[in-house]
Amino acid sequence: MHTIAEPNPGDKIGFGVEKCWSQANNNSEERFSRIRTLSRQTPTHWIQHTAGPDKGVYSGPNDWYSVWFPPTWTLEVAEGTVGLTAPDGGGVLSLTCFWRESPEAAEIQKLLEIEKLFPCRRNVRQLKLGDTADQGIGFQGQALLSGEIPWWRRLFRKKQWRNWRIWSLRRGPVFVLALYLQSDKPDHEAESIAGMIVNSIEFNDEPACPPEIFSQRVIDLARSKFPLLDCEAIADFQIKLGESKVNLKNFYRSYLSSPEQFDSIVLPALATVVQVQGWGKNQTEPELETVKNRIMPMLYPEDVWHDRFPNFVGTPWVGGLVVLYVIDESRAYWYIRDDLIETWNLSRDELHRIALENLNRYFEDQPMEFTVAGEEQGPRLLVPARQDAYNTSRLLSESFHEKLRGVLGGEFAVGTPSRDFFVAISLDSTETVEHVRKKVEDDFQNMDHPLSDRMLLVTHDGVTEYAPW
């Protein structure tokens, strides 16, 4: 049985013992390009906010629509809902989005539920909408909002009618429900601006579906391409294909960046899962001499290793990372298990030495190219120019540290947000390092094969966790 991790384009697939799967098709630098440009007149000083559902643990650029609003309005975002408050307490506009693919989804008026929201209402009339959506409907009116006031107090209290507006907008499977509720003091200007804000909404032409829909799409694809294998959803955002468990989390991260590439992201992974199921003992338990020159080190989050893959050979490192060991194949890699090095009669120290030697030779054969920013007398930043499954692993090499010192100086900090990417920066400016640290934290949440949101410090004495204080 093998755990599998999917490749970058032209990169390698990794697998180990449980036949679980994760993916690494790296970030999209144009993650917002799928939002259409604004096609109507909106004041140029208004602010754009790109919104979508609450991302939770499956973080990524899951952006379903953009909305523009005046800078005098206050923006708050919580649990996938956008709240915009008019100045001087003039009222609140809330925007909530969700995904529906059912046939009933077209009946957008039923989603408004005006009767439930405003049981006591008057002067209700339909609003005129722009061309912001494929389908849309809106209403305005007044309502009594009595709250939890006891009935006997209401007898002596003057009735207070509040103005409200409500909209239901739809493009494809994406819906936006908007509700504007006036404050105690009427503000007709704020009410009109709320309508302008709703009419400024632009939907994403290619929105990424939510996790549960993504999982079902993967299952449908697997069943169509491999009809002889059973496929079903299981717990923890996984599917079971034949004898294999496929972890969808990292696939979904890549899909969020490029939803139009669903098939090219998922299908190669499924095909490799099916292929590995046909492996025999020669592939899963090879002789040491047949694979010795292909043993490579692979950095991995230590907590995930302990929790999910304790039977993989691992050496704890720094910054919450552990060194695992893999056998490099032409388009794949697979993790070495504890029982395998026992069969080989090989110590962990010897395994580590072999892996580092192979790592150095790997980058001698295909040198790592860098992008360098900054000036010689100031902060300098260095990042790999291309993705590679072993990019961050190269930080294990002391000879590589010496090469980096030639650019960054005797000591430098390193961030490792993902398997394929690291950023190294000189220590000339604490402020610049802090800025990079925050970017590393953000990339750790959004990149595939996330490693660590911490910074490391490389000195002549070795590698430790970076702690400027």
Protein backbone atom coordinates (compact mmCIF):
# COMPACT_ATOMS: atom_id res chain seq x y z
CA MET A 1 0.00 0.00 0.00
CA HIS A 2 1.31 3.46 -0.89
CA THR A 3 0.71 7.12 -0.06
CA ILE A 4 0.79 9.30 -3.13
CA ALA A 5 1.51 13.03 -3.63
CA GLU A 6 0.81 14.54 -7.03
CA PRO A 7 3.26 16.52 -9.19
CA ASN A 8 3.75 19.96 -10.54
CA PRO A 9 3.61 20.05 -14.33
CA GLY A 10 6.74 18.23 -15.45
CA ASP A 11 7.57 17.43 -11.82
CA LYS A 12 7.34 14.24 -9.80
CA ILE A 13 4.60 12.30 -8.07
CA GLY A 14 5.28 11.08 -4.56
CA PHE A 15 3.82 8.11 -2.77
CA GLY A 16 4.36 6.05 0.33
CA VAL A 17 2.44 3.53 2.41
CA GLU A 18 -1.28 4.31 2.76
CA LYS A 19 -2.06 5.11 -0.88
CA CYS A 20 -3.32 8.53 0.24
CA TRP A 21 -2.85 11.34 -2.24
CA SER A 22 -1.96 15.04 -2.10
CA GLN A 23 -1.08 17.45 -4.89
CA ALA A 24 1.38 20.18 -5.82
CA ASN A 25 0.42 22.33 -8.79
CA ASN A 26 1.80 25.63 -7.54
CA ASN A 27 0.22 29.00 -7.00
CA SER A 28 -1.28 31.22 -9.67
CA GLU A 29 0.23 34.69 -9.82
CA GLU A 30 -2.86 35.83 -11.69
CA ARG A 31 -5.35 34.47 -9.18
CA PHE A 32 -7.69 37.42 -9.63
CA SER A 33 -7.60 37.47 -13.42
CA ARG A 34 -10.82 35.48 -13.64
CA ILE A 35 -12.82 38.38 -12.18
CA ARG A 36 -14.26 40.33 -15.09
CA THR A 37 -13.41 44.01 -15.48
CA LEU A 38 -16.05 46.47 -14.35
CA SER A 39 -18.44 47.17 -17.21
CA ARG A 40 -20.55 49.95 -15.66
CA GLN A 41 -19.87 53.42 -14.30
CA THR A 42 -18.73 53.37 -10.68
CA PRO A 43 -16.90 56.27 -8.96
CA THR A 44 -13.17 55.85 -9.54
CA HIS A 45 -12.35 56.44 -5.86
CA TRP A 46 -14.46 53.47 -4.72
CA ILE A 47 -12.65 50.48 -3.22
CA GLN A 48 -12.76 46.97 -4.71
CA HIS A 49 -13.25 43.91 -2.51
CA THR A 50 -13.02 40.38 -3.91
CA ALA A 51 -15.15 37.92 -1.97
CA GLY A 52 -16.16 34.30 -1.76
CA PRO A 53 -17.22 31.64 0.74
CA ASP A 54 -15.39 31.06 3.99
CA LYS A 55 -12.29 29.10 2.91
CA GLY A 56 -11.59 27.36 6.21
CA VAL A 57 -8.81 24.76 6.07
CA TYR A 58 -9.00 24.56 2.26
CA SER A 59 -7.59 28.02 1.86
CA GLY A 60 -6.90 29.50 -1.54
CA PRO A 61 -8.08 32.14 -4.00
CA ASN A 62 -11.71 30.99 -3.99
CA ASP A 63 -13.10 34.29 -5.31
CA TRP A 64 -16.67 34.28 -6.57
CA TYR A 65 -17.38 37.96 -7.09
CA SER A 66 -16.01 41.48 -6.68
CA VAL A 67 -17.88 44.44 -5.23
CA TRP A 68 -17.02 48.15 -5.12
CA PHE A 69 -17.92 50.50 -2.23
CA PRO A 70 -17.17 54.08 -1.06
CA PRO A 71 -14.11 54.53 1.17
CA THR A 72 -16.35 56.16 3.81
CA TRP A 73 -18.16 52.85 4.34
CA THR A 74 -16.69 50.34 6.80
CA LEU A 75 -15.91 46.82 5.55
CA GLU A 76 -16.09 43.72 7.77
CA VAL A 77 -15.70 40.13 6.62
CA ALA A 78 -16.62 37.13 8.78
CA GLU A 79 -17.47 33.51 7.92
CA GLY A 80 -17.91 34.23 4.23
CA THR A 81 -20.25 37.21 4.73
CA VAL A 82 -19.33 40.76 3.73
CA GLY A 83 -20.70 43.57 5.89
CA LEU A 84 -20.63 47.22 4.76
CA THR A 85 -21.70 49.92 7.23
CA ALA A 86 -22.67 53.41 6.07
CA PRO A 87 -21.03 56.40 7.80
CA ASP A 88 -22.71 57.89 10.86
CA GLY A 89 -24.70 54.73 11.43
CA GLY A 90 -26.67 55.14 8.23
CA GLY A 91 -27.39 51.43 7.85
CA VAL A 92 -25.73 48.08 7.12
CA LEU A 93 -25.47 46.17 3.83
CA SER A 94 -24.65 42.45 4.15
CA LEU A 95 -23.63 40.20 1.25
CA THR A 96 -23.72 36.40 1.52
CA CYS A 97 -22.73 34.03 -1.28
CA PHE A 98 -23.38 30.32 -1.79
CA TRP A 99 -23.31 27.63 -4.49
CA ARG A 100 -26.35 25.77 -5.84
CA GLU A 101 -26.58 23.45 -8.82
CA SER A 102 -30.07 22.02 -8.24
CA PRO A 103 -32.90 22.66 -10.73
CA GLU A 104 -34.71 24.73 -8.11
CA ALA A 105 -31.81 27.17 -8.01
CA ALA A 106 -33.33 29.21 -10.84
CA GLU A 107 -36.27 30.21 -8.61
CA ILE A 108 -34.30 33.05 -7.06
CA GLN A 109 -37.34 34.83 -5.63
CA LYS A 110 -38.00 31.91 -3.26
CA LEU A 111 -34.56 32.43 -1.70
CA LEU A 112 -35.41 35.90 -0.41
CA GLU A 113 -37.86 34.70 2.26
CA ILE A 114 -39.23 38.20 2.84
CA GLU A 115 -42.12 36.77 4.84
CA LYS A 116 -39.73 35.25 7.41
CA LEU A 117 -37.37 38.23 7.55
CA PHE A 118 -40.10 40.87 7.81
CA PRO A 119 -43.39 39.39 9.08
CA CYS A 120 -44.77 42.90 9.64
CA ARG A 121 -44.06 44.95 6.51
CA ARG A 122 -45.56 47.61 4.27
CA ASN A 123 -44.92 49.58 1.07
CA VAL A 124 -43.18 46.61 -0.59
CA ARG A 125 -42.25 47.12 -4.22
CA GLN A 126 -39.83 45.62 -6.69
CA LEU A 127 -36.47 47.23 -7.43
CA LYS A 128 -35.00 47.83 -10.86
CA LEU A 129 -31.66 46.04 -11.32
CA GLY A 130 -28.75 46.52 -13.68
CA ASP A 131 -27.09 43.77 -15.70
CA THR A 132 -24.95 42.56 -12.79
CA ALA A 133 -26.12 38.93 -13.04
CA ASP A 134 -27.71 36.36 -15.32
CA GLN A 135 -30.74 36.48 -13.05
CA GLY A 136 -31.65 38.91 -10.33
CA ILE A 137 -34.52 40.30 -8.35
CA GLY A 138 -34.83 42.88 -5.61
CA PHE A 139 -37.43 44.45 -3.34
CA GLN A 140 -37.64 47.37 -0.98
CA GLY A 141 -40.09 48.24 1.77
CA GLN A 142 -40.53 49.02 5.43
CA ALA A 143 -40.76 46.68 8.40
CA LEU A 144 -41.41 46.74 12.12
CA LEU A 145 -38.51 45.25 14.04
CA SER A 146 -39.80 44.79 17.56
CA GLY A 147 -37.12 42.35 18.78
CA GLU A 148 -37.67 40.76 22.19
CA ILE A 149 -39.65 43.61 23.75
CA PRO A 150 -42.45 42.26 26.04
CA TRP A 151 -45.92 42.57 24.59
CA TRP A 152 -47.18 44.90 27.31
CA ARG A 153 -44.38 47.41 26.55
CA ARG A 154 -45.20 47.39 22.87
CA LEU A 155 -48.67 48.74 23.70
CA PHE A 156 -47.12 52.00 24.91
CA ARG A 157 -44.30 52.24 22.37
CA LYS A 158 -44.51 54.20 19.15
CA LYS A 159 -44.19 52.00 16.12
CA GLN A 160 -40.85 52.47 14.33
CA TRP A 161 -40.73 51.46 10.70
CA ARG A 162 -37.31 50.69 9.21
CA ASN A 163 -36.48 50.92 5.51
CA TRP A 164 -34.98 47.80 3.96
CA ARG A 165 -33.83 46.53 0.59
CA ILE A 166 -33.10 42.95 -0.39
CA TRP A 167 -31.62 41.39 -3.54
CA SER A 168 -31.03 37.90 -4.92
CA LEU A 169 -28.45 37.68 -7.73
CA ARG A 170 -27.27 34.63 -9.66
CA ARG A 171 -24.66 33.78 -12.27
CA GLY A 172 -24.35 30.09 -13.00
CA PRO A 173 -24.27 28.18 -9.71
CA VAL A 174 -23.13 31.21 -7.65
CA PHE A 175 -25.72 33.21 -5.71
CA VAL A 176 -25.34 36.44 -3.78
CA LEU A 177 -27.99 37.49 -1.29
CA ALA A 178 -27.78 41.15 -0.29
CA LEU A 179 -29.72 42.81 2.54
CA TYR A 180 -29.66 46.50 3.41
CA LEU A 181 -31.25 47.51 6.72
CA GLN A 182 -31.67 51.15 7.63
CA SER A 183 -30.72 52.36 11.10
CA ASP A 184 -33.14 54.13 13.45
CA LYS A 185 -32.55 57.43 11.64
CA PRO A 186 -33.47 57.29 7.92
CA ASP A 187 -30.60 58.06 5.52
CA HIS A 188 -31.89 58.12 1.98
CA GLU A 189 -28.43 58.81 0.52
CA ALA A 190 -27.00 55.71 2.20
CA GLU A 191 -29.98 53.73 0.94
CA SER A 192 -29.31 54.79 -2.65
CA ILE A 193 -25.59 54.08 -2.33
CA ALA A 194 -26.39 50.57 -1.05
CA GLY A 195 -28.22 49.96 -4.32
CA MET A 196 -25.23 51.27 -6.30
CA ILE A 197 -22.92 48.90 -4.38
CA VAL A 198 -25.09 45.90 -5.23
CA ASN A 199 -25.22 46.96 -8.88
CA SER A 200 -21.41 47.16 -8.94
CA ILE A 201 -21.05 43.41 -8.27
CA GLU A 202 -19.07 41.51 -10.91
CA PHE A 203 -19.18 37.69 -10.88
CA ASN A 204 -16.17 35.48 -11.56
CA ASP A 205 -16.54 33.90 -15.00
CA GLU A 206 -14.89 30.66 -13.82
CA PRO A 207 -15.59 30.26 -10.10
CA ALA A 208 -14.05 27.37 -8.19
CA CYS A 209 -16.68 25.09 -6.69
CA PRO A 210 -16.78 24.39 -2.92
CA PRO A 211 -15.01 21.30 -1.48
CA GLU A 212 -18.04 18.99 -1.37
CA ILE A 213 -18.82 19.68 -5.05
CA PHE A 214 -15.15 19.24 -5.96
CA SER A 215 -15.08 15.85 -4.23
CA GLN A 216 -18.13 14.68 -6.18
CA ARG A 217 -16.61 15.90 -9.46
CA VAL A 218 -13.46 13.86 -8.73
CA ILE A 219 -15.60 10.80 -8.01
CA ASP A 220 -17.56 11.27 -11.25
CA LEU A 221 -14.32 11.61 -13.23
CA ALA A 222 -12.82 8.50 -11.61
CA ARG A 223 -15.93 6.44 -12.31
CA SER A 224 -16.00 7.52 -15.96
CA LYS A 225 -12.29 6.82 -16.58
CA PHE A 226 -11.93 3.69 -14.41
CA PRO A 227 -15.38 2.03 -14.38
CA LEU A 228 -14.03 -1.30 -13.08
CA LEU A 229 -12.92 0.28 -9.77
CA ASP A 230 -15.24 1.29 -6.97
CA CYS A 231 -15.00 4.96 -6.00
CA GLU A 232 -16.64 6.70 -3.07
CA ALA A 233 -16.18 9.64 -0.70
CA ILE A 234 -14.73 8.96 2.75
CA ALA A 235 -13.92 11.09 5.78
CA ASP A 236 -11.36 13.93 5.99
CA PHE A 237 -11.85 15.18 2.41
CA GLN A 238 -10.69 11.92 0.84
CA ILE A 239 -12.03 9.45 -1.68
CA LYS A 240 -11.41 5.72 -1.95
CA LEU A 241 -10.53 4.49 -5.44
CA GLY A 242 -10.18 0.74 -5.56
CA GLU A 243 -7.75 -0.10 -2.74
CA SER A 244 -6.36 3.44 -2.56
CA LYS A 245 -7.24 6.41 -0.39
CA VAL A 246 -6.84 9.70 -2.23
CA ASN A 247 -6.42 12.86 -0.13
CA LEU A 248 -7.98 15.77 -2.04
CA LYS A 249 -6.76 18.69 0.06
CA ASN A 250 -3.73 19.72 -1.98
CA PHE A 251 -5.51 18.97 -5.25
CA TYR A 252 -8.20 21.41 -4.16
CA ARG A 253 -5.59 24.08 -3.38
CA SER A 254 -4.30 23.84 -6.96
CA TYR A 255 -7.82 23.79 -8.36
CA LEU A 256 -8.64 27.04 -6.54
CA SER A 257 -5.84 28.75 -8.46
CA SER A 258 -6.85 27.28 -11.84
CA PRO A 259 -10.42 25.93 -11.81
CA GLU A 260 -10.42 25.72 -15.62
CA GLN A 261 -7.70 23.03 -15.35
CA PHE A 262 -9.72 20.57 -13.28
CA ASP A 263 -9.10 17.56 -15.55
CA SER A 264 -5.36 18.20 -15.97
CA ILE A 265 -4.95 18.57 -12.19
CA VAL A 266 -6.92 15.51 -11.14
CA LEU A 267 -6.74 12.94 -13.94
CA PRO A 268 -2.93 12.26 -13.90
CA ALA A 269 -3.18 11.66 -10.16
CA LEU A 270 -6.01 9.16 -10.53
CA ALA A 271 -4.17 7.38 -13.34
CA THR A 272 -1.05 7.00 -11.20
CA VAL A 273 -3.11 5.67 -8.27
CA VAL A 274 -4.52 2.98 -10.52
CA GLN A 275 -1.07 2.19 -11.92
CA VAL A 276 0.51 1.80 -8.47
CA GLN A 277 -2.20 -0.65 -7.42
CA GLY A 278 -0.69 -3.04 -9.96
CA TRP A 279 2.79 -2.84 -8.48
CA GLY A 280 4.38 -6.05 -7.27
CA LYS A 281 6.98 -6.81 -4.61
CA ASN A 282 9.88 -5.81 -6.87
CA GLN A 283 8.58 -2.23 -6.92
CA THR A 284 7.53 -1.98 -3.27
CA GLU A 285 10.46 -3.89 -1.71
CA PRO A 286 13.43 -3.42 -4.06
CA GLU A 287 17.02 -4.42 -3.34
CA LEU A 288 19.11 -1.54 -1.96
CA GLU A 289 21.64 -1.59 -4.79
CA THR A 290 18.91 -1.13 -7.41
CA VAL A 291 17.67 2.13 -5.85
CA LYS A 292 20.66 3.43 -3.84
CA ASN A 293 21.58 6.21 -6.27
CA ARG A 294 17.95 7.41 -6.34
CA ILE A 295 17.42 7.89 -2.58
CA MET A 296 16.61 11.56 -1.88
CA PRO A 297 15.69 13.61 1.23
CA MET A 298 12.28 15.29 1.43
CA LEU A 299 11.27 17.92 4.01
CA TYR A 300 7.85 17.35 5.60
CA PRO A 301 5.78 18.89 8.46
CA GLU A 302 6.72 16.98 11.60
CA ASP A 303 3.22 16.99 13.12
CA VAL A 304 1.70 15.48 9.95
CA TRP A 305 4.42 12.81 9.89
CA HIS A 306 3.69 11.78 13.50
CA ASP A 307 -0.06 11.83 12.95
CA ARG A 308 -0.40 10.12 9.58
CA PHE A 309 2.81 8.44 8.49
CA PRO A 310 4.80 7.27 11.54
CA ASN A 311 6.01 4.21 9.62
CA PHE A 312 8.00 6.39 7.19
CA VAL A 313 11.68 6.75 8.10
CA GLY A 314 12.08 10.28 9.49
CA THR A 315 14.76 12.48 11.06
CA PRO A 316 13.46 15.53 13.02
CA TRP A 317 15.06 18.78 11.81
CA VAL A 318 14.20 22.38 12.83
CA GLY A 319 11.21 24.72 12.60
CA GLY A 320 8.62 21.97 12.95
CA LEU A 321 10.07 20.05 9.98
CA VAL A 322 11.29 16.48 9.58
CA VAL A 323 13.47 14.86 6.91
CA LEU A 324 11.79 11.92 5.19
CA TYR A 325 13.46 9.80 2.51
CA VAL A 326 12.14 8.87 -0.91
CA ILE A 327 13.04 6.76 -3.93
CA ASP A 328 13.10 9.00 -7.00
CA GLU A 329 11.39 7.57 -10.09
CA SER A 330 11.09 9.10 -13.56
CA ARG A 331 7.80 10.88 -12.78
CA ALA A 332 7.27 9.87 -9.18
CA TYR A 333 8.83 9.35 -5.79
CA TRP A 334 7.85 7.03 -2.97
CA TYR A 335 8.64 7.18 0.75
CA ILE A 336 11.00 4.72 2.43
CA ARG A 337 9.44 2.76 5.29
CA ASP A 338 11.00 1.63 8.56
CA ASP A 339 10.65 -2.03 7.62
CA LEU A 340 12.48 -1.43 4.34
CA ILE A 341 15.70 -0.06 5.90
CA GLU A 342 15.61 -2.97 8.34
CA THR A 343 15.52 -5.31 5.35
CA TRP A 344 18.43 -3.38 3.86
CA ASN A 345 20.30 -3.53 7.19
CA LEU A 346 20.90 0.21 6.82
CA SER A 347 21.19 2.73 9.69
CA ARG A 348 19.33 6.05 9.61
CA ASP A 349 22.60 7.99 9.63
CA GLU A 350 23.85 6.06 6.61
CA LEU A 351 20.51 6.58 4.85
CA HIS A 352 20.77 10.33 5.52
CA ARG A 353 24.34 10.47 4.16
CA ILE A 354 23.35 8.65 0.96
CA ALA A 355 20.36 10.95 0.46
CA LEU A 356 22.45 14.15 0.82
CA GLU A 357 25.07 12.87 -1.61
CA ASN A 358 22.36 12.14 -4.17
CA LEU A 359 20.74 15.54 -3.51
CA ASN A 360 23.98 17.40 -4.25
CA ARG A 361 24.55 15.37 -7.41
CA TYR A 362 20.94 16.01 -8.49
CA PHE A 363 21.50 19.78 -8.49
CA GLU A 364 24.94 19.44 -10.10
CA ASP A 365 23.24 17.72 -13.02
CA GLN A 366 20.46 20.31 -13.21
CA PRO A 367 21.68 23.52 -11.51
CA MET A 368 19.20 25.58 -9.52
CA GLU A 369 18.54 29.02 -11.00
CA PHE A 370 17.64 31.95 -8.76
CA THR A 371 15.90 35.28 -8.86
CA VAL A 372 17.75 37.85 -6.72
CA ALA A 373 16.35 41.22 -5.61
CA GLY A 374 17.95 44.05 -3.63
CA GLU A 375 21.28 45.86 -3.59
CA GLU A 376 24.75 44.85 -2.53
CA GLN A 377 24.80 47.30 0.40
CA GLY A 378 21.22 46.62 1.51
CA PRO A 379 18.74 43.78 2.05
CA ARG A 380 18.95 41.06 -0.59
CA LEU A 381 16.34 38.42 -1.31
CA LEU A 382 16.74 35.17 -3.23
CA VAL A 383 14.13 32.67 -4.49
CA PRO A 384 14.33 29.64 -6.85
CA ALA A 385 13.46 30.52 -10.43
CA ARG A 386 11.55 27.27 -11.07
CA GLN A 387 9.56 24.74 -9.12
CA ASP A 388 11.14 21.48 -8.09
CA ALA A 389 10.07 18.78 -5.66
CA TYR A 390 13.50 18.97 -3.98
CA ASN A 391 13.93 22.76 -3.78
CA THR A 392 13.48 23.12 -0.03
CA SER A 393 15.33 19.85 0.62
CA ARG A 394 18.46 21.53 -0.66
CA LEU A 395 18.55 23.61 2.52
CA LEU A 396 19.84 20.44 4.21
CA SER A 397 23.10 20.76 2.28
CA GLU A 398 25.98 22.67 3.90
CA SER A 399 27.63 23.15 0.51
CA PHE A 400 24.44 24.88 -0.63
CA HIS A 401 24.60 27.19 2.40
CA GLU A 402 28.06 28.28 1.26
CA LYS A 403 26.71 29.20 -2.16
CA LEU A 404 23.93 31.27 -0.60
CA ARG A 405 26.42 33.08 1.64
CA GLY A 406 28.16 34.34 -1.48
CA VAL A 407 24.99 36.32 -2.23
CA LEU A 408 23.38 36.97 1.17
CA GLY A 409 26.31 37.16 3.59
CA GLY A 410 27.50 35.01 6.47
CA GLU A 411 24.07 34.65 8.12
CA PHE A 412 20.64 34.77 6.54
CA ALA A 413 17.00 33.87 7.17
CA VAL A 414 14.95 31.37 5.16
CA GLY A 415 11.21 30.81 4.82
CA THR A 416 9.87 27.43 3.62
CA PRO A 417 6.14 27.87 2.99
CA SER A 418 5.96 24.89 0.60
CA ARG A 419 7.86 21.87 -0.69
CA ASP A 420 8.72 23.52 -4.01
CA PHE A 421 9.52 27.05 -2.88
CA PHE A 422 11.70 28.86 -0.36
CA VAL A 423 12.79 32.46 0.14
CA ALA A 424 16.19 33.40 1.57
CA ILE A 425 16.93 36.92 2.79
CA SER A 426 19.94 38.71 4.22
CA LEU A 427 19.75 40.11 7.76
CA ASP A 428 20.57 43.73 6.84
CA SER A 429 17.05 44.93 7.74
CA THR A 430 14.90 43.47 10.53
CA GLU A 431 11.90 45.30 9.05
CA THR A 432 12.40 43.62 5.66
CA VAL A 433 12.79 40.21 7.27
CA GLU A 434 9.56 40.78 9.20
CA HIS A 435 7.78 41.69 5.97
CA VAL A 436 9.05 38.46 4.36
CA ARG A 437 7.97 36.48 7.44
CA LYS A 438 4.39 37.72 7.04
CA LYS A 439 4.42 36.80 3.35
CA VAL A 440 5.68 33.32 4.27
CA GLU A 441 2.76 32.93 6.69
CA ASP A 442 0.34 33.89 3.92
CA ASP A 443 1.95 31.59 1.33
CA PHE A 444 1.91 28.72 3.81
CA GLN A 445 -1.88 29.02 3.89
CA ASN A 446 -2.24 29.14 0.10
CA MET A 447 0.53 27.07 -1.51
CA ASP A 448 0.43 23.37 -2.32
CA HIS A 449 2.41 20.96 -0.17
CA PRO A 450 2.68 23.48 2.69
CA LEU A 451 5.69 22.98 4.98
CA SER A 452 6.03 25.68 7.64
CA ASP A 453 4.99 29.24 8.43
CA ARG A 454 8.13 29.77 10.53
CA MET A 455 11.42 31.37 9.50
CA LEU A 456 14.76 29.60 9.82
CA LEU A 457 18.20 31.10 10.56
CA VAL A 458 21.26 29.78 8.73
CA THR A 459 24.66 30.45 10.36
CA HIS A 460 28.11 28.85 10.21
CA ASP A 461 26.97 26.69 13.16
CA GLY A 462 24.00 25.24 11.28
CA VAL A 463 20.25 25.88 10.94
CA THR A 464 17.98 26.99 13.79
CA GLU A 465 14.61 28.67 14.07
CA TYR A 466 14.75 32.41 13.43
CA ALA A 467 13.91 34.48 16.53
CA PRO A 468 14.90 38.16 16.14
CA TRP A 469 13.98 39.00 19.72
